[in-house]
Amino acid sequence: MPQTYESLPVRVTIACLGFAFFAPSMRRDTGSRQSALVFAAICWLTLPVFFFWMYWMNGGSSVWLASVSAMLLIYYHLTDWRLATAGSVAGLVLGWLASHGALVDAPVTPAIPMENAVVIGFAWSVAILLGASSANLRRTRLINTLSTMGVMAHELRTPLATVNLMGDVLRNMVQQDVPESKRKKLDELATRLQNLVRSMTRQIDTQISNAQLMRLPREQSTIMAAELVQEVVSQYPYRSSRERDCVQVHIQTDFAFTASRPLFAQVLTNLLKNALHALAAASTAPSPGDLRVEVGIHRGKGRIAVSDDGIGITHDQQQRIFEPFFSTQAGAGNGLGLTFCKNVVETAQGRLSVHSQPGLGAVFMIDLPLTLQATAAPATAPAAPG
């Protein structure tokens, strides 16, 4: 279809922007903030900016009137309707400025017929209604999913509460006339039962948060890193005293950050669980210091590092370890734990990364913006008894 204005170089340039979607960083983590920004920017340039510019440059021809109408429907389908509305308005203005010589040396286009404005307005209104309708449908499905999970969580917490009461009963038995040899074992069993209940409760909360499709709870508070780390390490449901003794806490410099305390406690619990699993998979029995949790300051940010001397992670697995449903523990995990950890850390404006060599262990590092830097603490503290 012959046009008043045409530019093959511009068309090729706009088309080539789509190759960015095939970049390794985009394909590796499509849910990251960087991928979302790149996707939004490319959609904005290739759709409203380019289409409105060509519409104005061709004097509002019938071909570009139909193209702009279709573009609006496509753009609202690809992105959130609020982002699409802002992008469409910005694209219309930028295209008009460019075509009228404000941004590039181009001839002034003739006035656009009123009927074209009516058609574009109709297409735009339909696109907004469809976009808002789709958002409401997704919200309804999410609410139904969370309602179902809420019922399941309630049914699971009821027997867990019973198990917790059993722990209290065992503790009361310890206070009675029980031989010393049995008293210690009963007290240890009660502690392990109640730690297990806390762990299962956190797992339930984790699954509910994952079901929220990255819509994590907004309640946040100021958290002291050292206090949180020591609390999580001391309350973790270790399977044996040897496993508990292999964990050491190193506080170099305490710091404060802003996040959801229950969710961040679950993040550290997940990292501890993975590190202990890696140690268990190693050929040698764990010894004190094989798992280290360090708190300090690194390059102006607070850092919590969980290091282990386990089997390590291969380079290929490191590229995918934060992807949903990908697990290095064949048959032993659902692949959502590290995805959940990454989402919680990023919600706190932080970054979760991993460094590992096969056979030489792994280090998971949480870097967080500082709310407050505290004074230096003792360099090493063993894990408190569970």
Protein backbone atom coordinates (compact mmCIF):
# COMPACT_ATOMS: atom_id res chain seq x y z
CA MET A 1 0.00 0.00 0.00
CA PRO A 2 1.76 3.16 -1.18
CA GLN A 3 2.14 5.77 1.57
CA THR A 4 2.84 9.49 1.60
CA TYR A 5 5.79 8.84 3.92
CA GLU A 6 7.81 5.64 4.25
CA SER A 7 11.20 4.82 5.76
CA LEU A 8 12.71 1.37 5.45
CA PRO A 9 15.60 2.10 7.90
CA VAL A 10 13.12 3.15 10.60
CA ARG A 11 11.00 0.02 10.04
CA VAL A 12 14.06 -2.26 10.22
CA THR A 13 15.32 -0.53 13.37
CA ILE A 14 11.96 -0.84 15.10
CA ALA A 15 11.64 -4.49 14.06
CA CYS A 16 15.14 -5.33 15.32
CA LEU A 17 14.25 -4.11 18.81
CA GLY A 18 12.36 -7.37 19.23
CA PHE A 19 15.63 -9.33 19.21
CA ALA A 20 16.25 -8.01 22.74
CA PHE A 21 13.59 -10.47 23.93
CA PHE A 22 15.93 -13.33 22.99
CA ALA A 23 18.85 -12.03 25.10
CA PRO A 24 20.10 -14.61 27.66
CA SER A 25 19.29 -12.32 30.60
CA MET A 26 15.69 -11.91 29.38
CA ARG A 27 15.13 -15.61 28.75
CA ARG A 28 16.82 -16.65 32.01
CA ASP A 29 14.62 -14.54 34.28
CA THR A 30 11.51 -13.19 32.60
CA GLY A 31 10.06 -12.10 35.93
CA SER A 32 12.91 -9.80 36.98
CA ARG A 33 12.53 -6.03 37.21
CA GLN A 34 15.08 -5.51 34.44
CA SER A 35 13.19 -7.82 32.07
CA ALA A 36 9.93 -6.04 32.84
CA LEU A 37 11.46 -2.62 32.12
CA VAL A 38 13.02 -3.80 28.84
CA PHE A 39 9.74 -5.39 27.74
CA ALA A 40 7.74 -2.26 28.60
CA ALA A 41 10.21 0.04 26.81
CA ILE A 42 10.31 -2.03 23.61
CA CYS A 43 6.51 -2.37 23.50
CA TRP A 44 6.18 1.38 23.97
CA LEU A 45 8.62 2.25 21.17
CA THR A 46 7.40 -0.35 18.67
CA LEU A 47 3.68 0.27 19.24
CA PRO A 48 2.34 3.70 20.30
CA VAL A 49 5.43 5.79 19.49
CA PHE A 50 6.10 4.28 16.06
CA PHE A 51 2.45 3.87 15.03
CA PHE A 52 1.33 7.36 16.07
CA TRP A 53 4.41 8.85 14.41
CA MET A 54 3.65 7.07 11.13
CA TYR A 55 -0.01 8.04 11.48
CA TRP A 56 0.87 11.73 11.72
CA MET A 57 3.53 11.53 9.00
CA ASN A 58 0.98 10.03 6.59
CA GLY A 59 -1.65 12.63 7.33
CA GLY A 60 -4.01 10.26 9.10
CA SER A 61 -4.55 7.97 6.10
CA SER A 62 -7.12 5.18 6.30
CA VAL A 63 -4.33 2.57 6.37
CA TRP A 64 -2.70 4.08 9.46
CA LEU A 65 -6.07 4.80 11.05
CA ALA A 66 -6.78 1.07 10.95
CA SER A 67 -3.23 0.29 12.07
CA VAL A 68 -3.43 2.63 15.09
CA SER A 69 -6.80 1.15 16.10
CA ALA A 70 -5.36 -2.38 15.99
CA MET A 71 -2.20 -1.21 17.78
CA LEU A 72 -4.19 0.09 20.74
CA LEU A 73 -5.94 -3.25 21.21
CA ILE A 74 -2.63 -5.14 20.96
CA TYR A 75 -0.82 -2.77 23.34
CA TYR A 76 -3.50 -3.05 26.02
CA HIS A 77 -3.42 -6.82 25.62
CA LEU A 78 0.36 -6.99 26.17
CA THR A 79 0.61 -4.68 29.19
CA ASP A 80 -1.35 -3.51 32.21
CA TRP A 81 -4.14 -1.14 31.18
CA ARG A 82 -2.81 1.69 33.38
CA LEU A 83 0.68 1.42 31.91
CA ALA A 84 -0.82 1.13 28.42
CA THR A 85 -2.88 4.30 28.94
CA ALA A 86 0.13 6.33 30.05
CA GLY A 87 2.25 4.86 27.23
CA SER A 88 -0.39 5.56 24.58
CA VAL A 89 -0.78 9.20 25.64
CA ALA A 90 3.01 9.66 25.71
CA GLY A 91 3.33 7.92 22.31
CA LEU A 92 0.65 10.13 20.76
CA VAL A 93 2.34 13.32 22.02
CA LEU A 94 5.85 12.19 21.06
CA GLY A 95 4.69 11.08 17.61
CA TRP A 96 2.92 14.40 17.06
CA LEU A 97 5.98 16.41 18.12
CA ALA A 98 8.29 14.36 15.88
CA SER A 99 6.02 14.58 12.85
CA HIS A 100 5.53 18.34 13.24
CA GLY A 101 9.24 19.05 13.21
CA ALA A 102 9.72 19.61 16.94
CA LEU A 103 12.04 16.62 17.25
CA VAL A 104 13.07 15.87 13.67
CA ASP A 105 13.26 17.82 10.43
CA ALA A 106 9.92 16.76 8.90
CA PRO A 107 7.10 18.50 7.03
CA VAL A 108 4.08 19.67 8.98
CA THR A 109 1.22 17.21 8.52
CA PRO A 110 -2.23 18.39 7.50
CA ALA A 111 -5.11 18.58 9.95
CA ILE A 112 -6.54 15.19 10.96
CA PRO A 113 -10.24 14.69 10.07
CA MET A 114 -12.67 14.63 13.00
CA GLU A 115 -14.00 11.21 11.99
CA ASN A 116 -10.51 9.76 12.51
CA ALA A 117 -10.46 11.09 16.06
CA VAL A 118 -13.82 9.43 16.68
CA VAL A 119 -12.56 6.08 15.38
CA ILE A 120 -9.36 6.26 17.42
CA GLY A 121 -11.33 7.33 20.49
CA PHE A 122 -13.69 4.38 20.06
CA ALA A 123 -10.81 1.90 19.65
CA TRP A 124 -9.01 3.43 22.63
CA SER A 125 -12.13 3.18 24.84
CA VAL A 126 -12.68 -0.46 23.87
CA ALA A 127 -9.02 -1.24 24.62
CA ILE A 128 -9.28 0.37 28.08
CA LEU A 129 -12.49 -1.54 28.86
CA LEU A 130 -11.01 -4.86 27.74
CA GLY A 131 -7.80 -4.21 29.67
CA ALA A 132 -9.66 -3.30 32.88
CA SER A 133 -11.97 -6.31 32.42
CA SER A 134 -8.99 -8.67 32.07
CA ALA A 135 -7.40 -7.17 35.18
CA ASN A 136 -10.62 -7.71 37.15
CA LEU A 137 -10.83 -11.31 35.92
CA ARG A 138 -7.25 -11.99 37.01
CA ARG A 139 -7.97 -10.38 40.37
CA THR A 140 -11.07 -12.55 40.84
CA ARG A 141 -9.14 -15.71 40.03
CA LEU A 142 -6.40 -14.67 42.46
CA ILE A 143 -8.92 -14.03 45.23
CA ASN A 144 -10.54 -17.44 44.63
CA THR A 145 -7.13 -19.14 44.70
CA LEU A 146 -6.14 -17.39 47.92
CA SER A 147 -9.51 -18.22 49.50
CA THR A 148 -9.00 -21.90 48.71
CA MET A 149 -5.47 -21.82 50.10
CA GLY A 150 -6.73 -19.99 53.19
CA VAL A 151 -9.17 -22.82 53.91
CA MET A 152 -6.42 -25.40 53.36
CA ALA A 153 -4.04 -23.45 55.61
CA HIS A 154 -6.67 -23.34 58.36
CA GLU A 155 -7.23 -27.10 58.12
CA LEU A 156 -3.47 -27.73 58.27
CA ARG A 157 -2.85 -25.38 61.18
CA THR A 158 -5.45 -27.16 63.34
CA PRO A 159 -3.49 -30.45 63.64
CA LEU A 160 -0.26 -28.45 63.90
CA ALA A 161 -1.69 -26.65 66.92
CA THR A 162 -2.45 -30.07 68.43
CA VAL A 163 1.15 -31.15 67.89
CA ASN A 164 2.32 -27.93 69.55
CA LEU A 165 0.14 -28.74 72.58
CA MET A 166 1.73 -32.19 72.69
CA GLY A 167 5.05 -30.42 73.07
CA ASP A 168 3.67 -28.49 76.06
CA VAL A 169 2.42 -31.77 77.57
CA LEU A 170 5.88 -33.29 77.23
CA ARG A 171 7.41 -30.24 78.92
CA ASN A 172 4.96 -30.61 81.82
CA MET A 173 5.93 -34.26 82.14
CA VAL A 174 9.53 -33.17 82.52
CA GLN A 175 8.56 -31.16 85.60
CA GLN A 176 7.13 -34.25 87.27
CA ASP A 177 8.98 -37.10 88.93
CA VAL A 178 10.88 -38.26 85.84
CA PRO A 179 14.38 -39.75 85.93
CA GLU A 180 17.13 -37.39 84.81
CA SER A 181 18.04 -39.63 81.86
CA LYS A 182 14.51 -39.39 80.44
CA ARG A 183 13.99 -35.72 81.37
CA LYS A 184 16.61 -34.46 78.93
CA LYS A 185 15.26 -36.61 76.09
CA LEU A 186 11.67 -35.50 76.70
CA ASP A 187 12.67 -31.86 76.78
CA GLU A 188 14.62 -32.23 73.55
CA LEU A 189 11.69 -34.03 71.89
CA ALA A 190 9.28 -31.26 72.96
CA THR A 191 11.62 -28.63 71.55
CA ARG A 192 11.97 -30.46 68.23
CA LEU A 193 8.18 -30.89 67.96
CA GLN A 194 7.52 -27.20 68.53
CA ASN A 195 10.32 -26.14 66.17
CA LEU A 196 8.80 -28.43 63.55
CA VAL A 197 5.40 -26.79 64.03
CA ARG A 198 6.95 -23.34 63.55
CA SER A 199 8.74 -24.55 60.42
CA MET A 200 5.54 -26.02 58.93
CA THR A 201 3.62 -22.83 59.73
CA ARG A 202 6.25 -20.81 57.87
CA GLN A 203 6.05 -23.21 54.94
CA ILE A 204 2.29 -22.65 54.77
CA ASP A 205 2.86 -18.88 54.76
CA THR A 206 5.46 -19.31 52.00
CA GLN A 207 3.06 -21.22 49.75
CA ILE A 208 0.33 -18.63 50.28
CA SER A 209 2.78 -15.85 49.38
CA ASN A 210 3.82 -17.75 46.22
CA ALA A 211 0.15 -18.11 45.28
CA GLN A 212 -0.17 -14.34 45.42
CA LEU A 213 1.81 -14.20 42.18
CA MET A 214 4.45 -11.80 43.49
CA ARG A 215 1.86 -9.66 45.31
CA LEU A 216 3.69 -9.98 48.64
CA PRO A 217 2.26 -8.45 51.83
CA ARG A 218 3.01 -4.73 52.17
CA GLU A 219 3.41 -4.51 55.96
CA GLN A 220 7.04 -3.66 56.67
CA SER A 221 9.12 -2.80 59.72
CA THR A 222 12.69 -1.95 60.64
CA ILE A 223 14.67 -5.17 61.21
CA MET A 224 18.04 -5.57 62.90
CA ALA A 225 19.93 -8.11 60.82
CA ALA A 226 21.93 -9.73 63.63
CA GLU A 227 18.88 -10.22 65.83
CA LEU A 228 16.88 -11.79 63.00
CA VAL A 229 19.71 -14.11 61.98
CA GLN A 230 20.32 -15.32 65.54
CA GLU A 231 16.60 -15.88 66.07
CA VAL A 232 16.20 -17.93 62.88
CA VAL A 233 19.33 -19.98 63.52
CA SER A 234 18.34 -20.76 67.12
CA GLN A 235 14.75 -21.72 66.26
CA TYR A 236 15.50 -23.81 63.16
CA PRO A 237 14.20 -27.43 63.55
CA TYR A 238 17.54 -29.25 63.26
CA ARG A 239 17.40 -32.98 62.72
CA SER A 240 20.29 -33.70 65.10
CA SER A 241 22.67 -32.04 67.52
CA ARG A 242 25.50 -32.58 65.00
CA GLU A 243 23.53 -30.64 62.39
CA ARG A 244 22.88 -27.84 64.88
CA ASP A 245 26.52 -27.63 65.93
CA CYS A 246 27.78 -27.22 62.35
CA VAL A 247 26.11 -23.78 62.09
CA GLN A 248 28.06 -20.69 63.17
CA VAL A 249 26.95 -17.05 63.15
CA HIS A 250 29.51 -14.30 62.43
CA ILE A 251 28.44 -10.72 63.22
CA GLN A 252 30.96 -8.27 61.77
CA THR A 253 28.76 -5.15 61.69
CA ASP A 254 25.07 -5.14 62.53
CA PHE A 255 22.70 -3.09 60.39
CA ALA A 256 19.00 -2.34 60.02
CA PHE A 257 16.82 -2.68 56.94
CA THR A 258 13.13 -2.30 56.12
CA ALA A 259 11.15 -5.39 55.14
CA SER A 260 8.47 -7.84 56.26
CA ARG A 261 9.96 -9.64 59.28
CA PRO A 262 7.95 -12.91 58.98
CA LEU A 263 8.74 -13.22 55.28
CA PHE A 264 12.42 -12.44 55.74
CA ALA A 265 12.63 -15.01 58.53
CA GLN A 266 11.25 -17.53 56.03
CA VAL A 267 13.89 -16.46 53.49
CA LEU A 268 16.69 -17.23 55.95
CA THR A 269 15.00 -20.49 56.94
CA ASN A 270 14.87 -21.57 53.30
CA LEU A 271 18.55 -20.71 52.77
CA LEU A 272 19.52 -22.63 55.92
CA LYS A 273 17.48 -25.63 54.80
CA ASN A 274 19.14 -25.65 51.36
CA ALA A 275 22.62 -25.31 52.88
CA LEU A 276 22.00 -28.18 55.32
CA HIS A 277 20.71 -30.32 52.45
CA ALA A 278 23.91 -29.57 50.50
CA LEU A 279 25.99 -30.58 53.50
CA ALA A 280 24.00 -33.78 53.94
CA ALA A 281 24.64 -34.65 50.28
CA ALA A 282 28.40 -34.33 50.80
CA SER A 283 30.45 -37.45 51.48
CA THR A 284 31.77 -36.29 54.87
CA ALA A 285 29.85 -35.69 58.07
CA PRO A 286 29.27 -32.00 58.90
CA SER A 287 31.57 -30.41 61.45
CA PRO A 288 31.39 -27.05 63.31
CA GLY A 289 31.78 -24.14 60.90
CA ASP A 290 30.68 -26.03 57.76
CA LEU A 291 27.67 -23.69 57.58
CA ARG A 292 28.26 -20.02 58.28
CA VAL A 293 25.83 -17.10 58.45
CA GLU A 294 27.60 -13.75 58.25
CA VAL A 295 26.23 -10.24 58.84
CA GLY A 296 28.16 -7.16 57.75
CA ILE A 297 28.48 -4.16 55.43
CA HIS A 298 29.67 -4.55 51.83
CA ARG A 299 30.07 -1.60 49.45
CA GLY A 300 27.66 0.61 51.34
CA LYS A 301 24.94 -2.02 51.67
CA GLY A 302 24.03 -4.48 54.37
CA ARG A 303 24.89 -8.08 53.55
CA ILE A 304 23.65 -11.36 54.99
CA ALA A 305 25.64 -14.28 53.56
CA VAL A 306 24.81 -17.96 54.04
CA SER A 307 27.85 -20.11 53.19
CA ASP A 308 28.21 -23.88 53.23
CA ASP A 309 30.93 -26.40 52.43
CA GLY A 310 28.53 -28.77 50.69
CA ILE A 311 28.40 -30.23 47.18
CA GLY A 312 28.11 -26.85 45.44
CA ILE A 313 26.06 -25.83 42.42
CA THR A 314 27.05 -26.24 38.78
CA HIS A 315 27.35 -23.18 36.54
CA ASP A 316 24.34 -24.22 34.44
CA GLN A 317 22.19 -24.63 37.55
CA GLN A 318 23.24 -21.21 38.83
CA GLN A 319 21.80 -19.68 35.66
CA ARG A 320 18.37 -21.13 36.46
CA ILE A 321 18.34 -21.55 40.22
CA PHE A 322 15.90 -18.67 40.84
CA GLU A 323 13.43 -19.77 38.15
CA PRO A 324 10.03 -21.01 39.37
CA PHE A 325 9.71 -24.82 39.61
CA PHE A 326 13.44 -25.40 38.98
CA SER A 327 15.12 -27.40 41.74
CA THR A 328 18.62 -28.80 42.16
CA GLN A 329 17.20 -31.32 44.64
CA ALA A 330 15.81 -34.01 42.36
CA GLY A 331 12.54 -35.25 43.81
CA ALA A 332 13.02 -33.32 47.06
CA GLY A 333 11.77 -29.82 46.28
CA ASN A 334 9.05 -27.97 44.40
CA GLY A 335 11.39 -25.33 42.97
CA LEU A 336 9.53 -22.41 44.58
CA GLY A 337 11.71 -21.77 47.64
CA LEU A 338 14.44 -19.68 46.01
CA THR A 339 11.89 -17.93 43.78
CA PHE A 340 10.04 -16.89 46.92
CA CYS A 341 13.32 -15.74 48.52
CA LYS A 342 14.21 -13.64 45.48
CA ASN A 343 10.76 -11.99 45.41
CA VAL A 344 10.89 -11.10 49.11
CA VAL A 345 14.43 -9.67 48.87
CA GLU A 346 13.57 -7.60 45.79
CA THR A 347 10.43 -6.30 47.52
CA ALA A 348 12.81 -4.89 50.15
CA GLN A 349 14.80 -3.21 47.31
CA GLY A 350 17.58 -5.75 47.81
CA ARG A 351 19.37 -8.32 45.69
CA LEU A 352 19.83 -12.07 46.14
CA SER A 353 22.81 -13.66 44.37
CA VAL A 354 24.79 -16.90 44.50
CA HIS A 355 28.42 -17.85 44.04
CA SER A 356 29.42 -21.50 43.93
CA GLN A 357 31.90 -24.03 42.63
CA PRO A 358 30.95 -27.71 42.32
CA GLY A 359 32.40 -29.62 45.24
CA LEU A 360 33.50 -26.45 47.05
CA GLY A 361 30.24 -25.27 48.56
CA ALA A 362 28.03 -22.26 47.85
CA VAL A 363 27.45 -18.74 49.13
CA PHE A 364 24.04 -17.04 48.95
CA MET A 365 24.34 -13.28 49.46
CA ILE A 366 21.51 -10.91 50.38
CA ASP A 367 22.45 -7.26 49.77
CA LEU A 368 20.06 -4.69 51.26
CA PRO A 369 19.84 -0.89 51.43
CA LEU A 370 20.73 0.37 54.90
CA THR A 371 18.18 1.93 57.20
CA LEU A 372 20.67 2.23 60.04
CA GLN A 373 24.19 0.97 60.63
CA ALA A 374 24.76 -0.37 64.12
CA THR A 375 27.99 -0.79 66.02
CA ALA A 376 30.28 -3.71 65.40
CA ALA A 377 29.42 -6.89 67.27
CA PRO A 378 31.50 -9.90 68.35
CA ALA A 379 32.98 -11.57 65.32
CA THR A 380 31.74 -15.09 65.98
CA ALA A 381 28.76 -16.57 67.78
CA PRO A 382 27.81 -20.25 67.70
CA ALA A 383 24.29 -21.30 66.94
CA ALA A 384 22.07 -21.18 69.99
CA PRO A 385 20.69 -24.56 71.06
CA GLY A 386 17.42 -25.42 69.34
